[in-house]
Protein backbone atom coordinates (compact mmCIF):
# COMPACT_ATOMS: atom_id res chain seq x y z
CA UNK A 1 114.24 94.16 86.08
CA UNK A 2 116.71 96.76 88.08
CA UNK A 3 114.93 97.86 91.35
CA UNK A 4 116.01 100.05 94.45
CA UNK A 5 113.98 99.06 97.67
CA UNK A 6 114.15 102.65 100.33
CA UNK A 7 113.93 102.06 103.83
CA UNK A 8 115.64 98.44 103.35
CA UNK A 9 116.28 98.30 107.20
CA UNK A 10 112.77 98.72 108.16
CA UNK A 11 110.08 96.29 109.56
CA UNK A 12 108.15 96.20 105.86
CA UNK A 13 111.89 96.52 104.10
CA UNK A 14 113.32 93.82 105.73
CA UNK A 15 110.58 91.58 104.09
CA UNK A 16 110.68 93.56 100.35
CA UNK A 17 114.34 92.45 100.40
CA UNK A 18 113.36 89.22 100.24
CA UNK A 19 110.59 89.17 98.41
CA UNK A 20 111.95 91.33 95.23
CA UNK A 21 115.53 89.91 95.24
CA UNK A 22 113.85 87.37 92.72
CA UNK A 23 112.61 89.78 90.73
CA UNK A 24 116.05 90.96 89.02
CA UNK A 25 118.99 93.22 90.56
CA UNK A 26 117.84 95.22 93.77
CA UNK A 27 119.98 97.99 95.66
CA UNK A 28 118.49 97.40 99.00
CA UNK A 29 119.70 101.44 100.67
CA UNK A 30 119.03 101.98 104.21
CA UNK A 31 118.66 105.07 106.26
CA UNK A 32 122.17 104.97 107.74
CA UNK A 33 124.09 104.25 103.63
CA UNK A 34 124.93 107.09 101.57
CA UNK A 35 122.14 108.01 99.31
CA UNK A 36 119.54 106.25 101.09
CA UNK A 37 118.12 108.68 103.86
CA UNK A 38 114.71 110.47 103.06
CA UNK A 39 115.73 113.81 104.71
CA UNK A 40 118.34 114.18 101.91
CA UNK A 41 117.30 113.77 98.85
CA UNK A 42 119.93 115.46 96.68
CA UNK A 43 122.16 112.30 97.48
CA UNK A 44 119.03 110.11 97.00
CA UNK A 45 118.43 111.04 93.61
CA UNK A 46 121.91 111.11 92.28
CA UNK A 47 122.04 107.26 94.02
CA UNK A 48 119.12 106.37 92.28
CA UNK A 49 119.56 107.66 88.95
CA UNK A 50 123.61 106.40 88.52
CA UNK A 51 121.73 103.12 89.25
CA UNK A 52 118.93 104.04 86.53
CA UNK A 53 116.15 101.18 88.05
CA UNK A 54 112.90 100.18 86.46
CA UNK A 55 111.36 100.20 89.60
CA UNK A 56 111.12 102.22 93.24
CA UNK A 57 109.87 100.97 95.79
CA UNK A 58 109.27 103.47 98.69
CA UNK A 59 109.00 101.17 102.30
CA UNK A 60 110.88 104.37 103.76
CA UNK A 61 107.95 106.01 106.42
CA UNK A 62 108.03 108.59 109.37
CA UNK A 63 105.91 106.02 111.63
CA UNK A 64 105.78 108.01 114.78
CA UNK A 65 101.85 108.56 114.91
CA UNK A 66 102.02 110.41 118.63
CA UNK A 67 105.36 112.30 117.91
CA UNK A 68 104.42 113.70 114.49
CA UNK A 69 101.73 116.03 116.49
CA UNK A 70 104.76 117.67 118.07
CA UNK A 71 106.58 117.40 114.68
CA UNK A 72 104.63 118.46 112.21
CA UNK A 73 107.20 119.49 109.73
CA UNK A 74 109.69 116.41 109.95
CA UNK A 75 106.80 113.70 108.74
CA UNK A 76 105.40 115.82 106.06
CA UNK A 77 108.91 116.25 104.88
CA UNK A 78 108.98 112.45 105.21
CA UNK A 79 105.90 111.13 104.11
CA UNK A 80 104.48 113.92 101.97
CA UNK A 81 107.20 116.38 99.88
CA UNK A 82 110.20 113.55 99.39
CA UNK A 83 107.17 110.98 97.84
CA UNK A 84 106.39 114.16 95.24
CA UNK A 85 109.82 114.06 94.22
CA UNK A 86 110.74 110.32 94.17
CA UNK A 87 107.71 110.64 92.02
CA UNK A 88 109.78 112.77 90.11
CA UNK A 89 112.84 111.35 90.14
CA UNK A 90 110.70 108.54 88.72
CA UNK A 91 109.02 110.21 85.60
CA UNK A 92 112.44 110.99 84.52
CA UNK A 93 113.95 107.71 84.37
CA UNK A 94 110.54 105.98 83.36
CA UNK A 95 110.46 104.02 86.47
CA UNK A 96 107.56 102.79 88.19
CA UNK A 97 107.37 103.82 91.81
CA UNK A 98 105.71 101.27 94.71
CA UNK A 99 104.61 103.42 98.07
CA UNK A 100 103.12 102.06 100.71
CA UNK A 101 100.11 104.28 102.56
CA UNK A 102 97.63 103.70 105.47
CA UNK A 103 93.61 103.68 106.68
CA UNK A 104 94.86 106.97 108.80
CA UNK A 105 93.75 108.38 105.58
CA UNK A 106 90.16 108.32 106.93
CA UNK A 107 88.25 109.56 109.64
CA UNK A 108 87.66 106.45 110.73
CA UNK A 109 83.46 107.05 110.76
CA UNK A 110 81.24 104.06 110.32
CA UNK A 111 82.02 100.96 110.05
CA UNK A 112 81.80 99.66 106.25
CA UNK A 113 84.89 99.19 104.59
CA UNK A 114 86.82 102.20 103.16
CA UNK A 115 86.98 101.96 99.35
CA UNK A 116 89.86 103.85 97.48
CA UNK A 117 87.49 105.68 96.00
CA UNK A 118 86.04 107.08 99.50
CA UNK A 119 87.29 110.87 100.09
CA UNK A 120 89.91 110.83 102.88
CA UNK A 121 89.98 113.28 105.78
CA UNK A 122 92.52 112.11 107.92
CA UNK A 123 92.47 113.21 111.98
CA UNK A 124 96.12 113.44 112.76
CA UNK A 125 99.12 115.01 111.00
CA UNK A 126 100.68 111.51 110.75
CA UNK A 127 97.62 110.79 107.63
CA UNK A 128 97.80 114.27 106.72
CA UNK A 129 101.38 113.70 105.58
CA UNK A 130 100.48 110.15 104.09
CA UNK A 131 97.69 112.14 102.29
CA UNK A 132 100.00 114.37 100.74
CA UNK A 133 102.50 112.07 99.77
CA UNK A 134 99.90 109.81 98.39
CA UNK A 135 98.53 113.26 96.29
CA UNK A 136 102.07 114.18 95.00
CA UNK A 137 102.40 110.79 93.56
CA UNK A 138 99.50 110.50 91.59
CA UNK A 139 99.56 114.31 90.72
CA UNK A 140 103.03 113.93 89.35
CA UNK A 141 101.71 111.64 86.26
CA UNK A 142 104.63 108.66 86.89
CA UNK A 143 103.57 105.44 86.55
CA UNK A 144 103.32 104.05 90.39
CA UNK A 145 101.07 101.34 92.43
CA UNK A 146 100.05 103.42 96.23
CA UNK A 147 99.17 100.42 98.92
CA UNK A 148 96.87 101.64 101.59
CA UNK A 149 97.32 99.17 104.30
CA UNK A 150 96.93 98.86 108.42
CA UNK A 151 97.77 97.80 111.37
CA UNK A 152 101.56 96.76 110.05
CA UNK A 153 103.51 93.73 112.26
CA UNK A 154 106.41 92.04 111.02
CA UNK A 155 109.88 89.76 112.95
CA UNK A 156 111.45 92.77 113.00
CA UNK A 157 111.07 96.58 114.59
CA UNK A 158 108.91 97.88 116.84
CA UNK A 159 105.22 96.56 116.55
CA UNK A 160 101.79 95.70 118.60
CA UNK A 161 103.05 91.89 118.67
CA UNK A 162 106.34 92.42 120.24
CA UNK A 163 104.69 95.11 122.64
CA UNK A 164 102.13 92.76 123.87
CA UNK A 165 104.53 89.65 124.55
CA UNK A 166 107.39 92.02 126.06
CA UNK A 167 104.10 93.44 128.69
CA UNK A 168 103.14 90.12 129.12
CA UNK A 169 106.34 89.43 130.77
CA UNK A 170 106.43 92.11 133.33
CA UNK A 171 102.58 92.65 133.86
CA UNK A 172 99.22 90.46 135.17
CA UNK A 173 96.69 93.02 133.99
CA UNK A 174 96.76 95.37 130.89
CA UNK A 175 93.84 97.23 129.65
CA UNK A 176 93.73 97.60 125.64
CA UNK A 177 91.29 99.34 123.27
CA UNK A 178 88.03 97.90 122.23
CA UNK A 179 86.68 100.10 119.87
CA UNK A 180 88.83 100.63 117.21
CA UNK A 181 88.58 97.75 114.14
CA UNK A 182 91.16 96.49 111.62
CA UNK A 183 92.94 94.06 110.06
CA UNK A 184 96.10 93.48 111.74
CA UNK A 185 98.59 93.23 108.37
CA UNK A 186 101.71 91.41 108.73
CA UNK A 187 105.25 92.95 106.48
CA UNK A 188 105.74 89.61 104.89
CA UNK A 189 102.11 89.46 103.04
CA UNK A 190 102.68 92.43 101.82
CA UNK A 191 105.75 92.25 100.34
CA UNK A 192 105.28 89.27 98.83
CA UNK A 193 101.75 91.03 98.00
CA UNK A 194 103.60 93.94 96.21
CA UNK A 195 105.94 91.79 94.43
CA UNK A 196 103.40 90.48 92.26
CA UNK A 197 102.16 93.17 91.52
CA UNK A 198 105.36 94.51 90.41
CA UNK A 199 105.43 91.25 88.26
CA UNK A 200 102.23 91.83 86.55
CA UNK A 201 102.57 95.57 85.84
CA UNK A 202 105.82 94.82 84.25
CA UNK A 203 103.74 93.73 81.42
CA UNK A 204 100.25 95.38 82.50
CA UNK A 205 100.86 99.20 82.70
CA UNK A 206 96.81 99.66 83.08
CA UNK A 207 97.18 97.63 86.58
CA UNK A 208 98.62 101.55 87.61
CA UNK A 209 97.12 103.15 90.46
CA UNK A 210 95.99 102.95 94.37
CA UNK A 211 94.61 100.26 96.42
CA UNK A 212 93.82 98.77 99.39
CA UNK A 213 96.12 95.98 100.95
CA UNK A 214 95.43 94.56 103.57
CA UNK A 215 94.80 91.11 105.21
CA UNK A 216 90.78 90.01 104.93
CA UNK A 217 88.71 89.17 108.15
CA UNK A 218 88.42 91.79 111.30
CA UNK A 219 88.99 92.61 114.74
CA UNK A 220 89.77 94.69 117.77
CA UNK A 221 93.31 95.49 119.30
CA UNK A 222 91.96 93.77 122.46
CA UNK A 223 90.57 90.90 120.61
CA UNK A 224 94.44 91.07 118.73
CA UNK A 225 95.58 91.37 121.97
CA UNK A 226 93.98 88.04 123.58
CA UNK A 227 95.02 86.12 120.50
CA UNK A 228 98.45 86.73 120.61
CA UNK A 229 98.46 86.01 124.34
CA UNK A 230 95.84 82.81 123.60
CA UNK A 231 98.67 81.49 120.46
CA UNK A 232 101.62 81.80 123.53
CA UNK A 233 99.51 79.77 125.67
CA UNK A 234 98.94 77.03 123.74
CA UNK A 235 102.66 77.04 122.59
CA UNK A 236 102.98 76.12 126.54
CA UNK A 237 105.38 79.73 127.08
CA UNK A 238 104.96 80.53 130.89
CA UNK A 239 103.95 84.34 130.90
CA UNK A 240 102.89 86.65 133.75
CA UNK A 241 99.77 87.62 131.97
CA UNK A 242 96.96 85.36 130.94
CA UNK A 243 94.01 86.45 128.58
CA UNK A 244 92.03 86.62 131.25
CA UNK A 245 94.05 89.55 132.74
CA UNK A 246 93.69 92.00 129.82
CA UNK A 247 90.49 94.25 129.65
CA UNK A 248 89.01 96.39 127.33
CA UNK A 249 87.70 100.28 127.58
CA UNK A 250 87.40 102.55 124.42
CA UNK A 251 89.42 104.78 123.14
CA UNK A 252 87.77 107.98 125.22
CA UNK A 253 89.30 105.98 128.10
CA UNK A 254 92.66 106.13 126.78
CA UNK A 255 93.76 109.35 125.06
CA UNK A 256 97.06 109.94 122.88
CA UNK A 257 98.26 112.82 121.51
CA UNK A 258 97.21 111.79 117.87
CA UNK A 259 93.24 111.11 117.65
CA UNK A 260 93.09 107.68 115.95
CA UNK A 261 90.45 106.20 113.61
CA UNK A 262 87.70 103.99 115.31
CA UNK A 263 87.01 101.83 111.84
CA UNK A 264 90.71 101.40 109.88
CA UNK A 265 88.90 98.63 107.74
CA UNK A 266 89.69 98.81 104.27
CA UNK A 267 87.81 97.08 101.10
CA UNK A 268 90.45 95.04 99.23
CA UNK A 269 88.36 93.89 96.40
CA UNK A 270 90.49 96.14 93.76
CA UNK A 271 92.98 95.07 94.62
CA UNK A 272 92.23 90.98 94.31
CA UNK A 273 90.34 91.17 91.77
CA UNK A 274 92.90 93.21 89.86
CA UNK A 275 95.91 91.17 90.75
CA UNK A 276 93.87 87.67 91.11
CA UNK A 277 94.72 86.79 94.25
CA UNK A 278 93.70 86.19 97.38
CA UNK A 279 94.78 87.47 100.89
CA UNK A 280 94.44 84.91 104.29
CA UNK A 281 92.57 85.94 107.36
CA UNK A 282 94.75 87.97 109.55
CA UNK A 283 94.97 85.47 112.39
CA UNK A 284 97.12 83.03 110.04
CA UNK A 285 100.00 85.71 109.70
CA UNK A 286 99.91 86.63 114.10
CA UNK A 287 99.57 83.23 114.42
CA UNK A 288 102.83 82.22 112.12
CA UNK A 289 104.69 85.55 113.44
CA UNK A 290 103.63 84.43 117.28
CA UNK A 291 105.11 81.24 117.10
CA UNK A 292 108.31 82.42 115.11
CA UNK A 293 109.19 85.13 117.91
CA UNK A 294 108.73 82.67 120.59
CA UNK A 295 110.66 80.03 118.99
CA UNK A 296 113.30 78.91 121.39
CA UNK A 297 111.98 80.19 124.70
CA UNK A 298 111.72 78.17 127.45
CA UNK A 299 108.46 76.82 128.69
């Protein structure tokens, strides 16, 4: 099997390099490499066609949620139109396209986990751009796996865990939103689950489609932050901030340029039943990542 990975230097891409490598010949492209920039599709198309892959994995995206409000054209170009062009390339090659989307395609109403069949209604530019990409892929007719996920974290890149640990060294008090609910999902889990799904798709083309893919369980950003600090304290790490120093606030009390959905829960039954996998609780992935990030720090 030949695979092309786009966004190989990103948070998810880094773990995908590891997870996809055993599947076959892997061409890992990052934004700084020739043919690896989604904003220059002519060069990228040439690179992909020359390699002639069986699978194209797109982990590249515009993820600056708040900045997207003032840069809608950039967000739609990278998250919306580029995936559609990748889908056309995949069609021409007879290749699979694996793509990642987000819970932000929903409006966050209610408290029931979102299913793949629920009508999307994004609240912000980022969500609109990701939905555009989903629709372009599905309308292209190419063989695809689209994975909607939530609250991604990893060992690399900027994410909530790194931010909390950094601020915990600087502050003794912090206010965190407690009325947005979702499942923190590790890049490692996404990468491993993707590799398994790709192996399955190679023998069962009928699995083509859209899936929710996130860790099991749910939490708020407030409880998520407290959990991170608790793990650090249990390891004997001295931080200026304790869990008691984190105060809950509502979304209304903490306005941001982009409106965030309150309900980011995703129903993952379709994925687990189709691919016969158990998705671990969010706590296990967060705990191992916090431990790894703190490894070597003095107490």
